[in-house]
Amino acid sequence: MTSPYKCGFAKNVFQQLDTDCSLCVLGFCLASHDIALHSTLIHNSESEEASYHFPASLSILREVAKIVEPIEKLAFTMRFSQGTKDLLQDLKRDLQPFQEDSLTKGTLKPIRNVTFHYDFAKADQNIIGSLLEEIKNECELKVRAISGENSILRYRYTFADAFRSQLVASYLTKDVVDQIAVAAVNVIAFTDSLLADLSR
């Protein structure tokens, strides 16, 4: 796949920042890059592959939640425009609360825990039982393989990806998808606004 992005250069904002601020900016830049990449891959991949990128996106948002809290203690916040301050408040509202009913703890973490990891003991056992029953009723298990290849990397276990896809889908209501999409866009928008402020 050819990238639509063209190489270029941006002002080196790190020359004016201390270590803590620099690491914070790097963290947001990486998160923005990763979430944009996974979002693109979710939309452009086969369903089995997309089921991997979605839990990865949840993990990225959860990690962003951890760096949102200390940001207001950093020196560079004095240079934030009103737009950047507003976007930071959006991120805090979306990701920062860690109460049981919050997006981060109440929604993202539980979905990520049962879809990104490989131990399904904490997942809803009714859903797991139903999905496992579907696999057991199949005459054959769907796999993909590279023709004529004898490598250890030859096989892809498509049936397992399908299991994960169905598990992910069971947690996704329209409301949850909308909340996650807004949070992801806010991470990217905040990062862009932050870098624009620091480039002035």
C-alpha atoms as a PDB file:
ATOM      1  CA  MET A   1       0.000   0.000   0.000  1.00  0.00           C
ATOM      2  CA  THR A   2       1.441   3.366  -1.041  1.00  0.00           C
ATOM      3  CA  SER A   3       1.251   6.081   1.577  1.00  0.00           C
ATOM      4  CA  PRO A   4      -0.681   9.250   0.678  1.00  0.00           C
ATOM      5  CA  TYR A   5       1.711  11.202   2.907  1.00  0.00           C
ATOM      6  CA  LYS A   6       4.655  13.120   1.477  1.00  0.00           C
ATOM      7  CA  CYS A   7       7.922  13.595   3.350  1.00  0.00           C
ATOM      8  CA  GLY A   8       8.683  17.067   4.665  1.00  0.00           C
ATOM      9  CA  PHE A   9      10.033  18.942   7.666  1.00  0.00           C
ATOM     10  CA  ALA A  10       8.564  20.761  10.669  1.00  0.00           C
ATOM     11  CA  LYS A  11      10.074  23.255  13.062  1.00  0.00           C
ATOM     12  CA  ASN A  12      12.096  21.529  15.786  1.00  0.00           C
ATOM     13  CA  VAL A  13      10.013  22.414  18.847  1.00  0.00           C
ATOM     14  CA  PHE A  14      12.195  20.282  21.139  1.00  0.00           C
ATOM     15  CA  GLN A  15      15.033  22.823  21.121  1.00  0.00           C
ATOM     16  CA  GLN A  16      12.958  25.051  23.402  1.00  0.00           C
ATOM     17  CA  LEU A  17      11.551  22.382  25.741  1.00  0.00           C
ATOM     18  CA  ASP A  18      12.863  20.748  28.877  1.00  0.00           C
ATOM     19  CA  THR A  19      13.039  16.961  29.142  1.00  0.00           C
ATOM     20  CA  ASP A  20       9.611  16.456  30.752  1.00  0.00           C
ATOM     21  CA  CYS A  21       7.833  18.616  28.179  1.00  0.00           C
ATOM     22  CA  SER A  22       9.776  16.995  25.331  1.00  0.00           C
ATOM     23  CA  LEU A  23       8.816  13.506  26.445  1.00  0.00           C
ATOM     24  CA  CYS A  24       5.178  14.545  26.802  1.00  0.00           C
ATOM     25  CA  VAL A  25       5.137  15.954  23.254  1.00  0.00           C
ATOM     26  CA  LEU A  26       6.798  12.794  21.935  1.00  0.00           C
ATOM     27  CA  GLY A  27       4.202  10.659  23.713  1.00  0.00           C
ATOM     28  CA  PHE A  28       1.325  12.574  22.150  1.00  0.00           C
ATOM     29  CA  CYS A  29       2.943  12.530  18.701  1.00  0.00           C
ATOM     30  CA  LEU A  30       3.402   8.753  18.880  1.00  0.00           C
ATOM     31  CA  ALA A  31      -0.149   8.232  20.140  1.00  0.00           C
ATOM     32  CA  SER A  32      -1.559  10.476  17.402  1.00  0.00           C
ATOM     33  CA  HIS A  33       0.433   8.605  14.764  1.00  0.00           C
ATOM     34  CA  ASP A  34      -0.513   5.186  16.103  1.00  0.00           C
ATOM     35  CA  ILE A  35      -4.214   5.914  16.496  1.00  0.00           C
ATOM     36  CA  ALA A  36      -4.429   7.423  13.001  1.00  0.00           C
ATOM     37  CA  LEU A  37      -2.619   4.391  11.563  1.00  0.00           C
ATOM     38  CA  HIS A  38      -4.795   1.857  13.382  1.00  0.00           C
ATOM     39  CA  SER A  39      -7.939   3.770  12.422  1.00  0.00           C
ATOM     40  CA  THR A  40      -6.922   3.631   8.756  1.00  0.00           C
ATOM     41  CA  LEU A  41      -6.111  -0.077   9.054  1.00  0.00           C
ATOM     42  CA  ILE A  42      -9.473  -0.787  10.729  1.00  0.00           C
ATOM     43  CA  HIS A  43     -11.271   0.676   7.707  1.00  0.00           C
ATOM     44  CA  ASN A  44      -8.971  -0.802   5.048  1.00  0.00           C
ATOM     45  CA  SER A  45      -8.399  -4.319   6.398  1.00  0.00           C
ATOM     46  CA  GLU A  46     -10.334  -7.528   6.133  1.00  0.00           C
ATOM     47  CA  SER A  47     -12.623  -8.013   9.135  1.00  0.00           C
ATOM     48  CA  GLU A  48     -10.305 -10.530  10.794  1.00  0.00           C
ATOM     49  CA  GLU A  49      -7.355  -8.131  10.591  1.00  0.00           C
ATOM     50  CA  ALA A  50      -9.480  -5.159  11.640  1.00  0.00           C
ATOM     51  CA  SER A  51     -10.338  -7.025  14.826  1.00  0.00           C
ATOM     52  CA  TYR A  52      -6.683  -6.716  15.828  1.00  0.00           C
ATOM     53  CA  HIS A  53      -6.405  -2.992  15.125  1.00  0.00           C
ATOM     54  CA  PHE A  54      -9.487  -2.069  17.141  1.00  0.00           C
ATOM     55  CA  PRO A  55      -8.222  -3.437  20.511  1.00  0.00           C
ATOM     56  CA  ALA A  56      -4.840  -1.843  19.758  1.00  0.00           C
ATOM     57  CA  SER A  57      -6.652   1.506  19.399  1.00  0.00           C
ATOM     58  CA  LEU A  58      -8.283   0.979  22.784  1.00  0.00           C
ATOM     59  CA  SER A  59      -4.879   0.350  24.316  1.00  0.00           C
ATOM     60  CA  ILE A  60      -3.528   3.549  22.760  1.00  0.00           C
ATOM     61  CA  LEU A  61      -6.401   5.601  24.207  1.00  0.00           C
ATOM     62  CA  ARG A  62      -5.856   4.039  27.627  1.00  0.00           C
ATOM     63  CA  GLU A  63      -2.171   4.943  27.494  1.00  0.00           C
ATOM     64  CA  VAL A  64      -3.044   8.523  26.457  1.00  0.00           C
ATOM     65  CA  ALA A  65      -5.305   8.727  29.514  1.00  0.00           C
ATOM     66  CA  LYS A  66      -2.224   8.152  31.683  1.00  0.00           C
ATOM     67  CA  ILE A  67      -0.290  11.090  30.187  1.00  0.00           C
ATOM     68  CA  VAL A  68      -3.197  13.536  30.223  1.00  0.00           C
ATOM     69  CA  GLU A  69      -3.239  13.938  34.010  1.00  0.00           C
ATOM     70  CA  PRO A  70       0.295  15.286  34.599  1.00  0.00           C
ATOM     71  CA  ILE A  71       0.356  17.559  31.540  1.00  0.00           C
ATOM     72  CA  GLU A  72      -1.057  20.598  33.368  1.00  0.00           C
ATOM     73  CA  LYS A  73       1.951  20.577  35.714  1.00  0.00           C
ATOM     74  CA  LEU A  74       4.400  21.059  32.847  1.00  0.00           C
ATOM     75  CA  ALA A  75       5.943  24.437  32.017  1.00  0.00           C
ATOM     76  CA  PHE A  76       4.909  24.543  28.370  1.00  0.00           C
ATOM     77  CA  THR A  77       1.198  24.761  29.193  1.00  0.00           C
ATOM     78  CA  MET A  78       1.688  28.530  29.597  1.00  0.00           C
ATOM     79  CA  ARG A  79       2.081  28.668  25.812  1.00  0.00           C
ATOM     80  CA  PHE A  80      -1.148  26.840  25.007  1.00  0.00           C
ATOM     81  CA  SER A  81      -3.647  28.747  22.907  1.00  0.00           C
ATOM     82  CA  GLN A  82      -7.280  28.750  23.986  1.00  0.00           C
ATOM     83  CA  GLY A  83      -8.009  26.128  21.331  1.00  0.00           C
ATOM     84  CA  THR A  84      -5.337  23.797  22.748  1.00  0.00           C
ATOM     85  CA  LYS A  85      -6.613  24.366  26.296  1.00  0.00           C
ATOM     86  CA  ASP A  86     -10.145  23.498  25.157  1.00  0.00           C
ATOM     87  CA  LEU A  87      -8.925  20.336  23.411  1.00  0.00           C
ATOM     88  CA  LEU A  88      -7.028  19.327  26.552  1.00  0.00           C
ATOM     89  CA  GLN A  89     -10.232  19.698  28.571  1.00  0.00           C
ATOM     90  CA  ASP A  90     -12.000  17.493  26.007  1.00  0.00           C
ATOM     91  CA  LEU A  91      -9.297  14.842  26.438  1.00  0.00           C
ATOM     92  CA  LYS A  92      -9.550  15.051  30.210  1.00  0.00           C
ATOM     93  CA  ARG A  93     -13.315  14.665  30.035  1.00  0.00           C
ATOM     94  CA  ASP A  94     -13.082  11.758  27.585  1.00  0.00           C
ATOM     95  CA  LEU A  95     -10.150   9.826  28.991  1.00  0.00           C
ATOM     96  CA  GLN A  96      -8.959  11.025  32.352  1.00  0.00           C
ATOM     97  CA  PRO A  97     -11.624   9.941  34.835  1.00  0.00           C
ATOM     98  CA  PHE A  98     -10.880   6.487  36.171  1.00  0.00           C
ATOM     99  CA  GLN A  99     -14.218   5.851  37.936  1.00  0.00           C
ATOM    100  CA  GLU A 100     -16.032   2.593  37.256  1.00  0.00           C
ATOM    101  CA  ASP A 101     -18.478   4.254  34.813  1.00  0.00           C
ATOM    102  CA  SER A 102     -15.899   6.309  32.889  1.00  0.00           C
ATOM    103  CA  LEU A 103     -14.975   5.749  29.253  1.00  0.00           C
ATOM    104  CA  THR A 104     -11.432   4.774  30.249  1.00  0.00           C
ATOM    105  CA  LYS A 105     -12.067   2.401  33.140  1.00  0.00           C
ATOM    106  CA  GLY A 106     -15.676   1.437  32.549  1.00  0.00           C
ATOM    107  CA  THR A 107     -15.510   0.888  28.776  1.00  0.00           C
ATOM    108  CA  LEU A 108     -12.043   0.926  27.182  1.00  0.00           C
ATOM    109  CA  LYS A 109     -10.156  -1.143  29.747  1.00  0.00           C
ATOM    110  CA  PRO A 110     -12.691  -3.993  30.017  1.00  0.00           C
ATOM    111  CA  ILE A 111     -13.079  -4.295  26.234  1.00  0.00           C
ATOM    112  CA  ARG A 112      -9.326  -4.151  25.748  1.00  0.00           C
ATOM    113  CA  ASN A 113      -8.734  -6.697  28.511  1.00  0.00           C
ATOM    114  CA  VAL A 114     -10.897  -9.338  26.861  1.00  0.00           C
ATOM    115  CA  THR A 115     -10.100  -8.604  23.220  1.00  0.00           C
ATOM    116  CA  PHE A 116      -6.413  -7.710  23.169  1.00  0.00           C
ATOM    117  CA  HIS A 117      -5.135 -10.340  25.576  1.00  0.00           C
ATOM    118  CA  TYR A 118      -5.230 -14.077  25.038  1.00  0.00           C
ATOM    119  CA  ASP A 119      -6.670 -15.220  28.365  1.00  0.00           C
ATOM    120  CA  PHE A 120     -10.454 -15.198  27.975  1.00  0.00           C
ATOM    121  CA  ALA A 121     -11.214 -16.099  31.614  1.00  0.00           C
ATOM    122  CA  LYS A 122     -12.350 -12.520  32.414  1.00  0.00           C
ATOM    123  CA  ALA A 123     -14.617 -12.203  29.383  1.00  0.00           C
ATOM    124  CA  ASP A 124     -18.376 -12.691  29.560  1.00  0.00           C
ATOM    125  CA  GLN A 125     -18.549 -16.481  29.718  1.00  0.00           C
ATOM    126  CA  ASN A 126     -21.971 -16.581  28.042  1.00  0.00           C
ATOM    127  CA  ILE A 127     -20.498 -14.847  24.979  1.00  0.00           C
ATOM    128  CA  ILE A 128     -17.352 -16.986  25.096  1.00  0.00           C
ATOM    129  CA  GLY A 129     -19.419 -20.164  25.402  1.00  0.00           C
ATOM    130  CA  SER A 130     -21.604 -19.223  22.453  1.00  0.00           C
ATOM    131  CA  LEU A 131     -18.619 -18.336  20.244  1.00  0.00           C
ATOM    132  CA  LEU A 132     -16.745 -21.463  21.244  1.00  0.00           C
ATOM    133  CA  GLU A 133     -19.800 -23.560  20.429  1.00  0.00           C
ATOM    134  CA  GLU A 134     -19.790 -22.078  16.903  1.00  0.00           C
ATOM    135  CA  ILE A 135     -16.164 -23.159  16.448  1.00  0.00           C
ATOM    136  CA  LYS A 136     -16.883 -26.650  17.772  1.00  0.00           C
ATOM    137  CA  ASN A 137     -19.747 -27.067  15.298  1.00  0.00           C
ATOM    138  CA  GLU A 138     -17.546 -26.345  12.264  1.00  0.00           C
ATOM    139  CA  CYS A 139     -16.465 -29.352  10.194  1.00  0.00           C
ATOM    140  CA  GLU A 140     -13.181 -27.638   9.331  1.00  0.00           C
ATOM    141  CA  LEU A 141     -11.296 -24.632  10.648  1.00  0.00           C
ATOM    142  CA  LYS A 142     -10.509 -21.824   8.219  1.00  0.00           C
ATOM    143  CA  VAL A 143      -6.814 -20.962   7.837  1.00  0.00           C
ATOM    144  CA  ARG A 144      -4.656 -19.101   5.330  1.00  0.00           C
ATOM    145  CA  ALA A 145      -1.248 -20.264   4.163  1.00  0.00           C
ATOM    146  CA  ILE A 146       1.509 -19.075   1.891  1.00  0.00           C
ATOM    147  CA  SER A 147       1.678 -21.489  -1.059  1.00  0.00           C
ATOM    148  CA  GLY A 148       4.827 -23.547  -1.358  1.00  0.00           C
ATOM    149  CA  GLU A 149       6.327 -21.969   1.721  1.00  0.00           C
ATOM    150  CA  ASN A 150       7.866 -24.126   4.455  1.00  0.00           C
ATOM    151  CA  SER A 151       8.501 -21.270   6.883  1.00  0.00           C
ATOM    152  CA  ILE A 152       7.349 -21.337  10.491  1.00  0.00           C
ATOM    153  CA  LEU A 153       5.432 -18.159   9.574  1.00  0.00           C
ATOM    154  CA  ARG A 154       3.450 -19.937   6.849  1.00  0.00           C
ATOM    155  CA  TYR A 155       0.022 -20.200   8.527  1.00  0.00           C
ATOM    156  CA  ARG A 156      -2.543 -17.643   9.652  1.00  0.00           C
ATOM    157  CA  TYR A 157      -5.270 -19.042  11.873  1.00  0.00           C
ATOM    158  CA  THR A 158      -8.253 -17.244  10.376  1.00  0.00           C
ATOM    159  CA  PHE A 159     -10.726 -19.078  12.632  1.00  0.00           C
ATOM    160  CA  ALA A 160      -9.086 -17.495  15.707  1.00  0.00           C
ATOM    161  CA  ASP A 161      -9.273 -14.023  14.144  1.00  0.00           C
ATOM    162  CA  ALA A 162     -12.954 -14.620  13.384  1.00  0.00           C
ATOM    163  CA  PHE A 163     -13.518 -15.604  17.031  1.00  0.00           C
ATOM    164  CA  ARG A 164     -11.863 -12.368  18.180  1.00  0.00           C
ATOM    165  CA  SER A 165     -13.839 -10.317  15.630  1.00  0.00           C
ATOM    166  CA  GLN A 166     -17.113 -11.681  16.978  1.00  0.00           C
ATOM    167  CA  LEU A 167     -15.972 -11.092  20.559  1.00  0.00           C
ATOM    168  CA  VAL A 168     -15.058  -7.476  19.770  1.00  0.00           C
ATOM    169  CA  ALA A 169     -18.375  -6.951  17.957  1.00  0.00           C
ATOM    170  CA  SER A 170     -20.304  -8.171  21.008  1.00  0.00           C
ATOM    171  CA  TYR A 171     -19.004  -5.191  23.023  1.00  0.00           C
ATOM    172  CA  LEU A 172     -19.570  -2.524  20.407  1.00  0.00           C
ATOM    173  CA  THR A 173     -22.745  -0.557  20.665  1.00  0.00           C
ATOM    174  CA  LYS A 174     -23.205   2.551  18.539  1.00  0.00           C
ATOM    175  CA  ASP A 175     -22.734   4.690  21.666  1.00  0.00           C
ATOM    176  CA  VAL A 176     -19.414   3.039  22.535  1.00  0.00           C
ATOM    177  CA  VAL A 177     -18.129   3.307  18.952  1.00  0.00           C
ATOM    178  CA  ASP A 178     -19.091   7.000  18.842  1.00  0.00           C
ATOM    179  CA  GLN A 179     -17.361   7.739  22.172  1.00  0.00           C
ATOM    180  CA  ILE A 180     -14.188   5.983  21.072  1.00  0.00           C
ATOM    181  CA  ALA A 181     -14.172   7.759  17.694  1.00  0.00           C
ATOM    182  CA  VAL A 182     -14.546  11.169  19.379  1.00  0.00           C
ATOM    183  CA  ALA A 183     -11.738  10.403  21.848  1.00  0.00           C
ATOM    184  CA  ALA A 184      -9.436   9.262  19.025  1.00  0.00           C
ATOM    185  CA  VAL A 185     -10.109  12.397  16.971  1.00  0.00           C
ATOM    186  CA  ASN A 186      -9.520  14.546  20.071  1.00  0.00           C
ATOM    187  CA  VAL A 187      -6.073  12.979  20.615  1.00  0.00           C
ATOM    188  CA  ILE A 188      -5.075  13.843  17.050  1.00  0.00           C
ATOM    189  CA  ALA A 189      -6.584  17.350  17.193  1.00  0.00           C
ATOM    190  CA  PHE A 190      -4.906  18.118  20.530  1.00  0.00           C
ATOM    191  CA  THR A 191      -1.513  16.950  19.245  1.00  0.00           C
ATOM    192  CA  ASP A 192      -1.821  19.062  16.077  1.00  0.00           C
ATOM    193  CA  SER A 193      -2.875  22.130  18.088  1.00  0.00           C
ATOM    194  CA  LEU A 194      -0.090  21.594  20.640  1.00  0.00           C
ATOM    195  CA  LEU A 195       2.591  21.434  17.956  1.00  0.00           C
ATOM    196  CA  ALA A 196       1.147  24.500  16.223  1.00  0.00           C
ATOM    197  CA  ASP A 197       1.375  26.435  19.522  1.00  0.00           C
ATOM    198  CA  LEU A 198       4.943  25.330  20.136  1.00  0.00           C
ATOM    199  CA  SER A 199       5.962  26.223  16.564  1.00  0.00           C
ATOM    200  CA  ARG A 200       4.974  29.873  16.989  1.00  0.00           C
END
